[in-house]
Amino acid sequence: MDDKNNGKIIEFKPKNAKEPVKKEIKTPKEVPFTFKNNLVLIAFYTLLFIIILILTVSLPFFSINDLSITGITYIGKEEVEKKICYDQNRNFFVLYFSNIEKKLLDDSRIKTVETKFSFPNSLMIKVRERKLAGYIVYMNEYVYIDSDGIITEISSAKKENVPLIKGLKFTYFKAGTKLEVKNPESLSVIIELTNILNKYNLVPRIASIDVEIVEDIHIYIRDIDIILGSIQNSDLKIRQAIEILKEIEDRKGYLDVSITNGKAIFKPLT
């Protein structure tokens, strides 16, 4: 053996031998999410939403047929329905999202509103009207104020069972605002007095209230002039007058309850 090999193994390759070919494995290319594809999806979901919306609005299953309105005295049911557009659309969802409370509270005659929806076709509206204290007359208009001194309505129509208020010297009035007067003490008396009268449900029976002189208040019921005097101890005076009126209401005269010592005086007119 030749010493040049130094014990190493020598590999002989044929002259015509080829190197093994390495195959390249191609992975599928990812298709980019283009703007065009995005528009197609948006259009599809938009169309689907519109179809669902149309079906929801048009199906009679979602039509409110059970409408209950409570607490109204001076406002008609038809007027409330018109304000909430019930005559135009009775769909449950349309009414639910139409902010009924705000629409009704825009009416100065209404103090509070509560609504209760019962899916799928029931709606209850509870209205609390402003309690009328009375009205004042300006030109040919009737200016109605509530027991807070707020002007609820200015109308050419006179309401039944609402007393005329005498003695207020007003300077400015606008529906939904507090009546501005030159004699604020008289307005304060009316506010306090009518809250007491409403407590005993006496307002509808009163023809007029005169507060021009705050120390000499007069309440007129039929043909009886109730002399209240000042506003002090009015609750006691009103209760006393109510008891006496049961016996003398068909008569004419003066009922003086201004003295708070438990003694009332009735002076009949002959």
Protein backbone atom coordinates (compact mmCIF):
# COMPACT_ATOMS: atom_id res chain seq x y z
CA MET A 1 0.00 0.00 0.00
CA ASP A 2 1.21 3.47 -0.88
CA ASP A 3 2.41 5.50 2.07
CA LYS A 4 0.94 8.69 0.47
CA ASN A 5 -2.53 7.64 1.42
CA ASN A 6 -1.54 7.60 5.05
CA GLY A 7 -4.31 5.16 5.81
CA LYS A 8 -7.06 7.56 4.56
CA ILE A 9 -10.00 6.26 2.58
CA ILE A 10 -10.28 7.90 -0.80
CA GLU A 11 -13.72 8.05 -2.42
CA PHE A 12 -13.81 7.81 -6.18
CA LYS A 13 -16.83 9.23 -8.05
CA PRO A 14 -17.74 8.35 -11.56
CA LYS A 15 -16.98 11.11 -14.03
CA ASN A 16 -20.57 11.24 -15.30
CA ALA A 17 -22.26 11.29 -11.83
CA LYS A 18 -24.74 14.16 -11.31
CA GLU A 19 -25.50 16.04 -8.16
CA PRO A 20 -28.98 15.16 -6.72
CA VAL A 21 -31.59 17.78 -7.64
CA LYS A 22 -33.25 19.47 -4.69
CA LYS A 23 -36.98 19.96 -5.26
CA GLU A 24 -38.46 23.29 -4.06
CA ILE A 25 -41.79 22.83 -2.29
CA LYS A 26 -44.07 25.73 -3.12
CA THR A 27 -46.57 26.88 -0.52
CA PRO A 28 -49.87 28.36 -1.71
CA LYS A 29 -49.86 32.15 -1.81
CA GLU A 30 -52.21 34.00 0.58
CA VAL A 31 -54.78 36.10 -1.19
CA PRO A 32 -54.74 39.62 0.33
CA PHE A 33 -58.04 41.02 1.78
CA THR A 34 -58.56 43.85 -0.64
CA PHE A 35 -60.63 47.03 -0.28
CA LYS A 36 -62.99 45.64 -2.91
CA ASN A 37 -63.71 42.55 -0.82
CA ASN A 38 -64.27 44.77 2.21
CA LEU A 39 -66.89 46.80 0.33
CA VAL A 40 -68.71 43.65 -0.69
CA LEU A 41 -68.99 42.50 2.92
CA ILE A 42 -70.15 45.93 4.09
CA ALA A 43 -72.80 46.01 1.36
CA PHE A 44 -73.98 42.52 2.27
CA TYR A 45 -74.36 43.25 5.99
CA THR A 46 -75.97 46.62 5.27
CA LEU A 47 -78.54 44.99 3.01
CA LEU A 48 -79.17 42.28 5.60
CA PHE A 49 -79.68 44.94 8.31
CA ILE A 50 -82.12 46.89 6.12
CA ILE A 51 -84.15 43.75 5.40
CA ILE A 52 -84.34 42.88 9.10
CA LEU A 53 -85.26 46.48 9.94
CA ILE A 54 -88.05 46.58 7.35
CA LEU A 55 -89.46 43.30 8.59
CA THR A 56 -89.28 44.46 12.22
CA VAL A 57 -91.09 47.73 11.50
CA SER A 58 -93.72 46.30 9.20
CA LEU A 59 -94.71 43.13 11.01
CA PRO A 60 -98.04 43.57 12.84
CA PHE A 61 -96.68 41.42 15.67
CA PHE A 62 -94.68 44.47 16.86
CA SER A 63 -97.57 46.93 16.57
CA ILE A 64 -98.68 48.53 19.86
CA ASN A 65 -102.40 47.95 20.10
CA ASP A 66 -102.68 48.20 23.87
CA LEU A 67 -102.11 51.88 24.75
CA SER A 68 -103.04 53.11 28.22
CA ILE A 69 -102.89 56.82 29.15
CA THR A 70 -103.67 57.82 32.75
CA GLY A 71 -103.58 61.04 34.77
CA ILE A 72 -105.06 63.39 32.18
CA THR A 73 -107.85 65.82 33.01
CA TYR A 74 -107.42 68.90 30.86
CA ILE A 75 -105.48 67.19 28.08
CA GLY A 76 -107.37 64.82 25.78
CA LYS A 77 -106.20 61.31 24.96
CA GLU A 78 -106.21 62.12 21.24
CA GLU A 79 -103.92 65.07 21.91
CA VAL A 80 -101.41 62.84 23.71
CA GLU A 81 -101.52 60.30 20.88
CA LYS A 82 -100.83 63.06 18.36
CA LYS A 83 -97.87 64.39 20.36
CA ILE A 84 -96.17 60.97 20.40
CA CYS A 85 -97.09 60.35 16.71
CA TYR A 86 -99.11 57.28 17.66
CA ASP A 87 -101.52 58.07 14.85
CA GLN A 88 -98.65 57.79 12.32
CA ASN A 89 -96.67 54.81 13.57
CA ARG A 90 -97.56 52.23 16.21
CA ASN A 91 -94.45 50.10 15.91
CA PHE A 92 -93.01 49.04 19.28
CA PHE A 93 -89.38 49.87 18.44
CA VAL A 94 -90.15 53.18 16.72
CA LEU A 95 -92.09 54.40 19.76
CA TYR A 96 -89.57 52.95 22.21
CA PHE A 97 -86.71 55.00 20.74
CA SER A 98 -88.74 58.14 19.97
CA ASN A 99 -88.22 59.80 23.39
CA ILE A 100 -91.90 60.00 24.32
CA GLU A 101 -91.16 61.66 27.67
CA LYS A 102 -89.45 64.67 26.09
CA LYS A 103 -92.22 65.14 23.53
CA LEU A 104 -94.86 65.27 26.24
CA LEU A 105 -92.83 67.39 28.67
CA ASP A 106 -92.53 70.05 25.99
CA ASP A 107 -96.17 70.73 26.84
CA SER A 108 -96.21 73.27 29.70
CA ARG A 109 -99.42 71.73 31.08
CA ILE A 110 -97.58 68.50 31.92
CA LYS A 111 -95.38 68.21 35.01
CA THR A 112 -94.08 64.62 34.86
CA VAL A 113 -94.33 61.61 32.53
CA GLU A 114 -93.65 57.92 33.12
CA THR A 115 -93.69 55.29 30.40
CA LYS A 116 -93.69 51.50 30.62
CA PHE A 117 -93.27 49.30 27.55
CA SER A 118 -94.29 45.67 27.61
CA PHE A 119 -92.90 43.70 24.69
CA PRO A 120 -94.17 43.29 22.03
CA ASN A 121 -97.35 45.39 21.80
CA SER A 122 -98.17 47.26 25.02
CA LEU A 123 -97.43 50.78 26.24
CA MET A 124 -98.56 52.54 29.42
CA ILE A 125 -98.15 56.31 29.80
CA LYS A 126 -98.68 57.90 33.20
CA VAL A 127 -99.08 61.67 32.98
CA ARG A 128 -99.08 64.09 35.89
CA GLU A 129 -100.66 67.36 34.87
CA ARG A 130 -99.87 70.62 36.60
CA LYS A 131 -102.59 71.41 39.14
CA LEU A 132 -104.33 74.59 38.12
CA ALA A 133 -104.55 77.39 40.65
CA GLY A 134 -106.78 79.48 38.43
CA TYR A 135 -106.72 81.92 35.55
CA ILE A 136 -106.28 85.62 34.94
CA VAL A 137 -107.85 87.53 32.09
CA TYR A 138 -105.86 89.62 29.64
CA MET A 139 -107.71 91.20 26.72
CA ASN A 140 -109.70 88.25 25.31
CA GLU A 141 -107.23 85.61 26.51
CA TYR A 142 -107.33 83.34 29.55
CA VAL A 143 -103.92 82.88 31.17
CA TYR A 144 -103.89 79.70 33.29
CA ILE A 145 -101.39 79.27 36.11
CA ASP A 146 -100.64 76.24 38.27
CA SER A 147 -100.01 75.88 42.00
CA ASP A 148 -96.33 76.80 41.45
CA GLY A 149 -97.16 80.03 39.61
CA ILE A 150 -96.17 78.52 36.25
CA ILE A 151 -98.20 79.55 33.21
CA THR A 152 -99.54 76.31 31.79
CA GLU A 153 -101.58 77.67 28.94
CA ILE A 154 -102.77 80.83 27.20
CA SER A 155 -106.08 80.21 25.51
CA SER A 156 -109.15 81.93 24.14
CA ALA A 157 -111.26 79.16 25.69
CA LYS A 158 -112.46 79.31 29.27
CA LYS A 159 -112.17 76.06 31.23
CA GLU A 160 -114.83 74.85 33.58
CA ASN A 161 -114.20 74.47 37.32
CA VAL A 162 -111.15 76.75 37.35
CA PRO A 163 -111.33 79.89 39.53
CA LEU A 164 -110.70 83.44 38.40
CA ILE A 165 -107.77 85.03 40.26
CA LYS A 166 -108.18 88.71 41.09
CA GLY A 167 -105.58 91.15 42.34
CA LEU A 168 -102.44 90.00 40.48
CA LYS A 169 -100.71 92.87 38.68
CA PHE A 170 -98.77 91.01 36.02
CA THR A 171 -96.12 92.50 33.75
CA TYR A 172 -95.17 89.62 31.46
CA PHE A 173 -96.43 86.15 30.71
CA LYS A 174 -95.34 83.29 28.51
CA ALA A 175 -96.46 79.66 28.57
CA GLY A 176 -94.04 77.44 30.47
CA THR A 177 -92.56 80.28 32.56
CA LYS A 178 -93.41 81.69 35.97
CA LEU A 179 -95.84 84.58 35.96
CA GLU A 180 -94.07 87.88 36.53
CA VAL A 181 -96.03 90.30 38.72
CA LYS A 182 -95.56 93.69 40.34
CA ASN A 183 -96.99 92.37 43.60
CA PRO A 184 -95.03 89.12 44.23
CA GLU A 185 -96.45 88.78 47.74
CA SER A 186 -99.93 88.29 46.26
CA LEU A 187 -98.56 85.60 43.92
CA SER A 188 -96.93 83.84 46.87
CA VAL A 189 -100.27 83.89 48.68
CA ILE A 190 -102.03 82.32 45.68
CA ILE A 191 -99.40 79.58 45.44
CA GLU A 192 -99.65 78.70 49.13
CA LEU A 193 -103.44 79.01 49.22
CA THR A 194 -104.17 76.90 46.15
CA ASN A 195 -101.96 74.10 47.43
CA ILE A 196 -104.17 74.01 50.55
CA LEU A 197 -107.35 74.21 48.46
CA ASN A 198 -106.14 71.37 46.22
CA LYS A 199 -105.43 69.32 49.32
CA TYR A 200 -109.15 69.42 50.13
CA ASN A 201 -110.24 69.24 46.46
CA LEU A 202 -111.94 72.61 46.83
CA VAL A 203 -110.57 74.40 43.73
CA PRO A 204 -113.25 73.14 41.28
CA ARG A 205 -115.98 74.60 43.51
CA ILE A 206 -114.46 78.09 43.66
CA ALA A 207 -115.67 80.88 41.37
CA SER A 208 -112.90 83.36 42.19
CA ILE A 209 -110.11 84.27 44.63
CA ASP A 210 -109.18 87.86 45.46
CA VAL A 211 -105.62 88.43 46.72
CA GLU A 212 -105.23 92.12 45.92
CA ILE A 213 -104.92 92.86 49.65
CA VAL A 214 -102.85 90.03 51.18
CA GLU A 215 -104.24 90.73 54.66
CA ASP A 216 -107.81 90.55 53.39
CA ILE A 217 -108.13 87.46 51.16
CA HIS A 218 -111.56 86.53 49.81
CA ILE A 219 -112.72 83.22 48.32
CA TYR A 220 -116.03 83.12 46.46
CA ILE A 221 -118.08 79.92 46.25
CA ARG A 222 -121.48 80.31 44.63
CA ASP A 223 -123.13 83.22 46.47
CA ILE A 224 -120.94 83.01 49.57
CA ASP A 225 -118.02 85.32 50.20
CA ILE A 226 -115.52 83.54 52.46
CA ILE A 227 -113.41 86.11 54.31
CA LEU A 228 -110.09 84.42 54.98
CA GLY A 229 -108.14 87.42 56.24
CA SER A 230 -104.39 86.80 56.03
CA ILE A 231 -102.68 83.64 54.80
CA GLN A 232 -101.69 82.66 58.37
CA ASN A 233 -103.38 79.50 59.66
CA SER A 234 -105.09 79.04 56.28
CA ASP A 235 -105.30 75.28 56.58
CA LEU A 236 -107.32 75.59 59.79
CA LYS A 237 -109.51 78.33 58.31
CA ILE A 238 -110.24 76.30 55.15
CA ARG A 239 -111.18 73.20 57.16
CA GLN A 240 -113.49 75.32 59.28
CA ALA A 241 -115.10 76.85 56.17
CA ILE A 242 -115.65 73.42 54.60
CA GLU A 243 -117.60 72.21 57.63
CA ILE A 244 -119.80 75.32 57.73
CA LEU A 245 -120.41 75.25 53.95
CA LYS A 246 -122.17 71.94 54.33
CA GLU A 247 -124.95 73.74 56.15
CA ILE A 248 -125.09 77.10 54.35
CA GLU A 249 -123.95 76.46 50.77
CA ASP A 250 -127.41 77.10 49.28
CA ARG A 251 -127.63 80.44 51.00
CA LYS A 252 -126.19 83.88 50.28
CA GLY A 253 -123.94 85.84 52.56
CA TYR A 254 -120.55 86.36 54.17
CA LEU A 255 -118.63 83.64 55.98
CA ASP A 256 -115.91 85.16 58.14
CA VAL A 257 -113.23 82.66 59.21
CA SER A 258 -110.48 85.26 59.59
CA ILE A 259 -110.54 84.96 63.38
CA THR A 260 -108.63 81.82 64.38
CA ASN A 261 -110.06 81.40 67.88
CA GLY A 262 -112.45 78.72 66.68
CA LYS A 263 -115.33 81.10 66.05
CA ALA A 264 -116.67 81.68 62.53
CA ILE A 265 -119.36 84.18 61.69
CA PHE A 266 -121.93 83.82 58.93
CA LYS A 267 -123.81 86.92 57.90
CA PRO A 268 -126.65 86.02 55.54
CA LEU A 269 -127.91 88.30 52.82
CA THR A 270 -131.66 88.73 52.72
